[in-house]
Structures are given as C-alpha cells and as structure tokens.
C-alpha cells in the first residue's frame, strides 16, 4: 500500500534543481536592476548629484546621454558609460581614443593630451 501511495504523490524536483532555479532567478533580477532599463539614467543622475560644480551645458549633455568636445573622460563615462570591454581603444602621448563599437555605426571618442574630448567621430 505504501508503494501505491508513492505512485499517486506528485513528483518533486530535486533540491539541486530548485536551488539552481532560485539562483538563476536571483542573478537575472540583479542583472536587470544593474544593467536594465533605467541603469543609464541612474548613472547619469548619480554623477550629476556628486558634481554640483558642473556647468548647465555639461549637465544637460550628460542628462541627455550626449558627448561633446571639452568634456572630461569622467563626464563621457557618466553620459555613455565606459567603453565596452570588447571594443578596443588606442592611446598615444597626444591622444586617447575610446571605441564605442556597439553605438550605431561605431562611434570613436577622441581625447586630447589633457583628457578632454577633442572630437567625436560618428560614421554617417
């Protein structure tokens, strides 16, 4: 009779699979919070809040996710985030080039020797 009762009981997933599912869900939610919608806005707002000395024009550029000549490397990272690790940049004594290869058409941000944007090359 005990074997008949076991046959009628619903099958349970092994504990390992349940733990794996719980971990997957946790990592998915964590990734969504850090890299999902709103992550760019949060990064921009945090930078602006930490730098009240920003000019109104630079503040507007960062808030709108734009990069322009004269911005510092930190300001570019606030606006766009760091260049993706799989995009290769270049550095010399006179300039540094950050490659945002996932931006539409592959965008290059060129910094002068003082660490300020001298040019933003967006393919046409």
N, C-alpha and C. Protein backbone atom coordinates (compact mmCIF):
# COMPACT_ATOMS: atom_id res chain seq x y z
N UNK A 1 0.81 -1.18 0.00
CA UNK A 1 0.00 0.00 0.00
C UNK A 1 0.87 1.26 0.00
N UNK A 2 1.99 1.18 0.65
CA UNK A 2 2.86 2.35 0.68
C UNK A 2 3.40 2.68 -0.70
N UNK A 3 3.63 1.65 -1.54
CA UNK A 3 4.13 1.92 -2.89
C UNK A 3 3.03 2.54 -3.75
N UNK A 4 1.77 2.21 -3.51
CA UNK A 4 0.67 2.79 -4.26
C UNK A 4 0.52 4.27 -3.90
N UNK A 5 0.70 4.59 -2.64
CA UNK A 5 0.59 5.97 -2.21
C UNK A 5 1.71 6.80 -2.85
N UNK A 6 2.91 6.25 -2.93
CA UNK A 6 4.02 6.96 -3.54
C UNK A 6 3.78 7.19 -5.03
N UNK A 7 3.15 6.26 -5.68
CA UNK A 7 2.89 6.39 -7.11
C UNK A 7 1.89 7.51 -7.37
N UNK A 8 0.98 7.77 -6.44
CA UNK A 8 -0.03 8.80 -6.62
C UNK A 8 0.44 10.19 -6.18
N UNK A 9 1.53 10.25 -5.42
CA UNK A 9 2.04 11.54 -4.96
C UNK A 9 2.68 12.29 -6.13
N UNK A 10 2.53 13.61 -6.14
CA UNK A 10 3.19 14.38 -7.21
C UNK A 10 4.70 14.30 -7.07
N UNK A 11 5.37 14.29 -8.21
CA UNK A 11 6.83 14.22 -8.19
C UNK A 11 7.39 15.59 -7.85
N UNK A 12 8.41 15.60 -7.05
CA UNK A 12 9.07 16.85 -6.67
C UNK A 12 10.39 16.95 -7.41
N UNK A 13 10.74 18.18 -7.79
CA UNK A 13 12.03 18.41 -8.44
C UNK A 13 13.13 18.20 -7.41
N UNK A 14 14.24 17.67 -7.83
CA UNK A 14 15.35 17.51 -6.89
C UNK A 14 15.77 18.85 -6.28
N UNK A 15 16.25 18.81 -5.07
CA UNK A 15 16.65 20.01 -4.36
C UNK A 15 17.69 20.82 -5.14
N UNK A 16 18.61 20.13 -5.79
CA UNK A 16 19.64 20.81 -6.58
C UNK A 16 19.01 21.67 -7.67
N UNK A 17 18.02 21.12 -8.37
CA UNK A 17 17.37 21.88 -9.45
C UNK A 17 16.62 23.08 -8.91
N UNK A 18 15.98 22.92 -7.77
CA UNK A 18 15.26 24.05 -7.16
C UNK A 18 16.25 25.15 -6.76
N UNK A 19 17.38 24.77 -6.19
CA UNK A 19 18.39 25.76 -5.81
C UNK A 19 18.96 26.46 -7.04
N UNK A 20 19.18 25.71 -8.10
CA UNK A 20 19.69 26.28 -9.35
C UNK A 20 18.69 27.27 -9.94
N UNK A 21 17.43 26.93 -9.90
CA UNK A 21 16.39 27.82 -10.40
C UNK A 21 16.33 29.10 -9.57
N UNK A 22 16.42 28.98 -8.27
CA UNK A 22 16.39 30.15 -7.39
C UNK A 22 17.59 31.06 -7.66
N UNK A 23 18.77 30.48 -7.82
CA UNK A 23 19.97 31.28 -8.12
C UNK A 23 19.86 31.96 -9.47
N UNK A 24 19.35 31.27 -10.46
CA UNK A 24 19.17 31.85 -11.79
C UNK A 24 18.24 33.05 -11.74
N UNK A 25 17.15 32.90 -11.01
CA UNK A 25 16.19 34.00 -10.88
C UNK A 25 16.83 35.19 -10.18
N UNK A 26 17.60 34.93 -9.12
CA UNK A 26 18.26 36.00 -8.39
C UNK A 26 19.24 36.74 -9.29
N UNK A 27 20.07 36.02 -10.05
CA UNK A 27 21.04 36.67 -10.93
C UNK A 27 20.35 37.44 -12.05
N UNK A 28 19.26 36.92 -12.55
CA UNK A 28 18.52 37.60 -13.60
C UNK A 28 17.96 38.92 -13.09
N UNK A 29 17.36 38.90 -11.91
CA UNK A 29 16.81 40.12 -11.34
C UNK A 29 17.90 41.12 -11.01
N UNK A 30 19.02 40.66 -10.47
CA UNK A 30 20.13 41.55 -10.15
C UNK A 30 20.68 42.18 -11.42
N UNK A 31 20.86 41.40 -12.46
CA UNK A 31 21.35 41.94 -13.72
C UNK A 31 20.38 42.93 -14.31
N UNK A 32 19.09 42.68 -14.18
CA UNK A 32 18.10 43.60 -14.71
C UNK A 32 18.16 44.93 -13.97
N UNK A 33 18.36 44.87 -12.66
CA UNK A 33 18.42 46.11 -11.89
C UNK A 33 19.67 46.92 -12.20
N UNK A 34 20.80 46.26 -12.42
CA UNK A 34 22.05 46.98 -12.66
C UNK A 34 22.21 47.40 -14.11
N UNK A 35 21.75 46.58 -15.06
CA UNK A 35 22.02 46.84 -16.46
C UNK A 35 20.75 47.03 -17.28
N UNK A 36 19.62 46.91 -16.66
CA UNK A 36 18.37 47.00 -17.39
C UNK A 36 17.94 48.44 -17.60
N UNK A 37 16.70 48.62 -17.99
CA UNK A 37 16.18 49.96 -18.21
C UNK A 37 16.36 50.82 -16.97
N UNK A 38 16.79 52.04 -17.18
CA UNK A 38 16.99 52.96 -16.06
C UNK A 38 18.41 52.98 -15.53
N UNK A 39 19.24 52.01 -15.89
CA UNK A 39 20.62 51.99 -15.39
C UNK A 39 21.39 53.21 -15.89
N UNK A 40 21.19 53.59 -17.14
CA UNK A 40 21.87 54.77 -17.68
C UNK A 40 21.43 56.03 -16.95
N UNK A 41 20.13 56.17 -16.73
CA UNK A 41 19.62 57.35 -16.02
C UNK A 41 20.18 57.42 -14.62
N UNK A 42 20.25 56.29 -13.95
CA UNK A 42 20.76 56.27 -12.57
C UNK A 42 22.22 56.69 -12.53
N UNK A 43 23.03 56.17 -13.46
CA UNK A 43 24.45 56.53 -13.53
C UNK A 43 24.60 58.03 -13.77
N UNK A 44 23.82 58.56 -14.71
CA UNK A 44 23.90 59.98 -15.04
C UNK A 44 23.49 60.84 -13.85
N UNK A 45 22.37 60.49 -13.23
CA UNK A 45 21.88 61.26 -12.09
C UNK A 45 22.85 61.21 -10.92
N UNK A 46 23.46 60.05 -10.67
CA UNK A 46 24.44 59.94 -9.58
C UNK A 46 25.63 60.84 -9.82
N UNK A 47 26.12 60.87 -11.07
CA UNK A 47 27.28 61.70 -11.39
C UNK A 47 26.93 63.18 -11.23
N UNK A 48 25.80 63.57 -11.74
CA UNK A 48 25.39 64.98 -11.64
C UNK A 48 25.21 65.39 -10.19
N UNK A 49 24.62 64.53 -9.38
CA UNK A 49 24.43 64.84 -7.95
C UNK A 49 25.77 64.98 -7.23
N UNK A 50 26.76 64.19 -7.64
CA UNK A 50 28.07 64.22 -6.99
C UNK A 50 28.94 65.38 -7.48
N UNK A 51 28.52 66.06 -8.55
CA UNK A 51 29.32 67.15 -9.12
C UNK A 51 28.47 68.40 -9.33
N UNK A 52 28.13 69.09 -8.25
CA UNK A 52 27.29 70.29 -8.38
C UNK A 52 27.99 71.43 -9.13
N UNK A 53 29.30 71.33 -9.31
CA UNK A 53 30.06 72.37 -9.99
C UNK A 53 29.92 72.32 -11.51
N UNK A 54 29.24 71.32 -12.04
CA UNK A 54 29.08 71.19 -13.49
C UNK A 54 28.35 72.40 -14.07
N UNK A 55 28.79 72.80 -15.24
CA UNK A 55 28.09 73.88 -15.92
C UNK A 55 26.74 73.35 -16.39
N UNK A 56 25.82 74.26 -16.64
CA UNK A 56 24.48 73.86 -17.09
C UNK A 56 24.56 73.12 -18.42
N UNK A 57 25.47 73.53 -19.30
CA UNK A 57 25.55 72.87 -20.61
C UNK A 57 26.06 71.44 -20.48
N UNK A 58 27.07 71.21 -19.64
CA UNK A 58 27.59 69.85 -19.46
C UNK A 58 26.55 68.99 -18.74
N UNK A 59 25.87 69.56 -17.78
CA UNK A 59 24.81 68.83 -17.07
C UNK A 59 23.74 68.38 -18.07
N UNK A 60 23.35 69.26 -18.96
CA UNK A 60 22.33 68.93 -19.97
C UNK A 60 22.82 67.84 -20.91
N UNK A 61 24.09 67.92 -21.33
CA UNK A 61 24.65 66.89 -22.20
C UNK A 61 24.62 65.53 -21.53
N UNK A 62 25.07 65.47 -20.28
CA UNK A 62 25.10 64.20 -19.56
C UNK A 62 23.68 63.66 -19.39
N UNK A 63 22.75 64.51 -18.96
CA UNK A 63 21.37 64.06 -18.75
C UNK A 63 20.75 63.50 -20.03
N UNK A 64 21.12 64.07 -21.17
CA UNK A 64 20.54 63.62 -22.43
C UNK A 64 21.36 62.52 -23.10
N UNK A 65 22.45 62.07 -22.44
CA UNK A 65 23.26 60.99 -22.99
C UNK A 65 24.04 61.41 -24.23
N UNK A 66 24.52 62.63 -24.22
CA UNK A 66 25.30 63.14 -25.35
C UNK A 66 26.72 63.44 -24.91
N UNK A 67 27.64 63.39 -25.88
CA UNK A 67 29.06 63.68 -25.64
C UNK A 67 29.47 64.77 -26.61
N UNK A 68 30.27 65.73 -26.12
CA UNK A 68 30.69 66.86 -26.95
C UNK A 68 32.11 67.26 -26.60
N UNK A 69 32.80 67.95 -27.53
CA UNK A 69 34.15 68.43 -27.24
C UNK A 69 34.20 69.24 -25.95
N UNK A 70 35.30 69.06 -25.23
CA UNK A 70 35.51 69.75 -23.96
C UNK A 70 35.16 68.92 -22.74
N UNK A 71 34.40 67.85 -22.91
CA UNK A 71 34.02 67.01 -21.77
C UNK A 71 35.22 66.19 -21.31
N UNK A 72 35.26 65.87 -20.02
CA UNK A 72 36.32 65.03 -19.47
C UNK A 72 35.97 63.56 -19.68
N UNK A 73 36.94 62.70 -19.42
CA UNK A 73 36.70 61.26 -19.53
C UNK A 73 35.62 60.81 -18.55
N UNK A 74 35.64 61.37 -17.33
CA UNK A 74 34.63 61.01 -16.34
C UNK A 74 33.24 61.44 -16.79
N UNK A 75 33.15 62.59 -17.44
CA UNK A 75 31.86 63.07 -17.93
C UNK A 75 31.35 62.20 -19.08
N UNK A 76 32.25 61.75 -19.94
CA UNK A 76 31.86 60.84 -21.02
C UNK A 76 31.34 59.53 -20.42
N UNK A 77 32.03 59.02 -19.41
CA UNK A 77 31.57 57.78 -18.78
C UNK A 77 30.23 57.99 -18.09
N UNK A 78 30.00 59.18 -17.54
CA UNK A 78 28.69 59.44 -16.93
C UNK A 78 27.60 59.44 -17.99
N UNK A 79 27.88 60.00 -19.15
CA UNK A 79 26.88 60.09 -20.22
C UNK A 79 26.65 58.76 -20.91
N UNK A 80 27.73 58.05 -21.23
CA UNK A 80 27.63 56.83 -22.04
C UNK A 80 28.05 55.57 -21.33
N UNK A 81 28.66 55.68 -20.16
CA UNK A 81 29.24 54.52 -19.51
C UNK A 81 30.62 54.26 -20.09
N UNK A 82 31.36 53.33 -19.50
CA UNK A 82 32.70 53.04 -20.04
C UNK A 82 32.59 52.35 -21.39
N UNK A 83 33.65 52.45 -22.20
CA UNK A 83 33.62 51.72 -23.47
C UNK A 83 33.48 50.22 -23.20
N UNK A 84 32.73 49.52 -24.03
CA UNK A 84 32.58 48.08 -23.83
C UNK A 84 33.94 47.37 -23.86
N UNK A 85 34.12 46.36 -23.04
CA UNK A 85 35.42 45.68 -22.97
C UNK A 85 35.83 44.99 -24.27
N UNK A 86 34.87 44.67 -25.12
CA UNK A 86 35.23 44.02 -26.38
C UNK A 86 35.49 45.01 -27.51
N UNK A 87 35.44 46.32 -27.20
CA UNK A 87 35.78 47.36 -28.17
C UNK A 87 37.18 47.87 -27.81
N UNK A 88 38.06 47.90 -28.78
CA UNK A 88 39.45 48.25 -28.50
C UNK A 88 39.72 49.72 -28.76
N UNK A 89 40.30 50.39 -27.77
CA UNK A 89 40.69 51.79 -27.90
C UNK A 89 42.17 51.89 -28.18
N UNK A 90 42.66 53.13 -28.30
CA UNK A 90 44.07 53.38 -28.58
C UNK A 90 44.55 54.49 -27.67
N UNK A 91 45.84 54.47 -27.41
CA UNK A 91 46.43 55.52 -26.58
C UNK A 91 47.81 55.86 -27.12
N UNK A 92 48.11 57.16 -27.17
CA UNK A 92 49.44 57.64 -27.52
C UNK A 92 49.76 58.80 -26.59
N UNK A 93 50.89 59.44 -26.80
CA UNK A 93 51.25 60.58 -25.96
C UNK A 93 50.33 61.78 -26.22
N UNK A 94 49.78 61.86 -27.41
CA UNK A 94 48.99 63.03 -27.79
C UNK A 94 47.49 62.85 -27.66
N UNK A 95 47.02 61.61 -27.72
CA UNK A 95 45.58 61.40 -27.64
C UNK A 95 45.22 60.01 -27.16
N UNK A 96 44.00 59.91 -26.69
CA UNK A 96 43.41 58.63 -26.29
C UNK A 96 42.12 58.50 -27.08
N UNK A 97 41.87 57.32 -27.60
CA UNK A 97 40.66 57.08 -28.37
C UNK A 97 39.87 55.95 -27.70
N UNK A 98 38.63 56.25 -27.38
CA UNK A 98 37.72 55.25 -26.86
C UNK A 98 36.81 54.83 -27.99
N UNK A 99 36.66 53.54 -28.16
CA UNK A 99 35.84 52.98 -29.22
C UNK A 99 34.55 52.43 -28.61
N UNK A 100 33.44 53.03 -28.98
CA UNK A 100 32.13 52.53 -28.58
C UNK A 100 31.59 51.77 -29.78
N UNK A 101 32.09 50.57 -29.98
CA UNK A 101 31.81 49.81 -31.20
C UNK A 101 30.37 49.33 -31.29
N UNK A 102 29.60 49.43 -30.21
CA UNK A 102 28.20 49.00 -30.26
C UNK A 102 27.25 50.17 -30.48
N UNK A 103 27.77 51.38 -30.42
CA UNK A 103 26.93 52.54 -30.75
C UNK A 103 26.62 52.43 -32.24
N UNK A 104 25.56 53.01 -32.68
CA UNK A 104 25.23 52.91 -34.11
C UNK A 104 26.40 53.36 -34.98
N UNK A 105 26.86 52.45 -35.80
CA UNK A 105 27.92 52.78 -36.74
C UNK A 105 29.32 52.85 -36.16
N UNK A 106 29.53 52.50 -34.92
CA UNK A 106 30.83 52.52 -34.26
C UNK A 106 31.30 53.95 -34.05
N UNK A 107 31.15 54.45 -32.85
CA UNK A 107 31.49 55.81 -32.50
C UNK A 107 32.83 55.85 -31.79
N UNK A 108 33.70 56.77 -32.20
CA UNK A 108 35.00 56.97 -31.57
C UNK A 108 34.99 58.30 -30.82
N UNK A 109 35.45 58.27 -29.58
CA UNK A 109 35.59 59.49 -28.79
C UNK A 109 37.09 59.72 -28.64
N UNK A 110 37.55 60.87 -29.12
CA UNK A 110 38.98 61.19 -29.14
C UNK A 110 39.25 62.26 -28.08
N UNK A 111 40.18 61.93 -27.17
CA UNK A 111 40.58 62.84 -26.10
C UNK A 111 41.95 63.42 -26.41
N UNK A 112 42.16 64.69 -26.05
CA UNK A 112 43.48 65.30 -26.23
C UNK A 112 44.39 64.90 -25.07
N UNK A 113 45.61 65.43 -25.06
CA UNK A 113 46.57 65.04 -24.02
C UNK A 113 46.16 65.52 -22.63
N UNK A 114 45.17 66.42 -22.54
CA UNK A 114 44.67 66.89 -21.26
C UNK A 114 43.47 66.09 -20.77
N UNK A 115 43.09 65.06 -21.54
CA UNK A 115 41.98 64.21 -21.12
C UNK A 115 40.60 64.78 -21.42
N UNK A 116 40.53 65.71 -22.34
CA UNK A 116 39.25 66.31 -22.73
C UNK A 116 38.89 65.88 -24.16
N UNK A 117 37.61 65.74 -24.42
CA UNK A 117 37.15 65.34 -25.74
C UNK A 117 37.56 66.42 -26.74
N UNK A 118 38.26 65.98 -27.78
CA UNK A 118 38.61 66.91 -28.86
C UNK A 118 37.72 66.66 -30.08
N UNK A 119 37.19 65.42 -30.21
CA UNK A 119 36.39 65.09 -31.36
C UNK A 119 35.56 63.84 -31.05
N UNK A 120 34.38 63.79 -31.63
CA UNK A 120 33.53 62.61 -31.56
C UNK A 120 33.25 62.23 -33.01
N UNK A 121 33.72 61.05 -33.41
CA UNK A 121 33.53 60.61 -34.79
C UNK A 121 32.40 59.60 -34.86
N UNK A 122 31.34 60.03 -35.50
CA UNK A 122 30.17 59.18 -35.70
C UNK A 122 30.07 58.92 -37.19
N UNK A 123 30.20 57.68 -37.63
CA UNK A 123 30.08 57.41 -39.07
C UNK A 123 28.72 57.85 -39.60
N UNK A 124 28.70 58.32 -40.83
CA UNK A 124 27.47 58.83 -41.42
C UNK A 124 26.78 57.81 -42.24
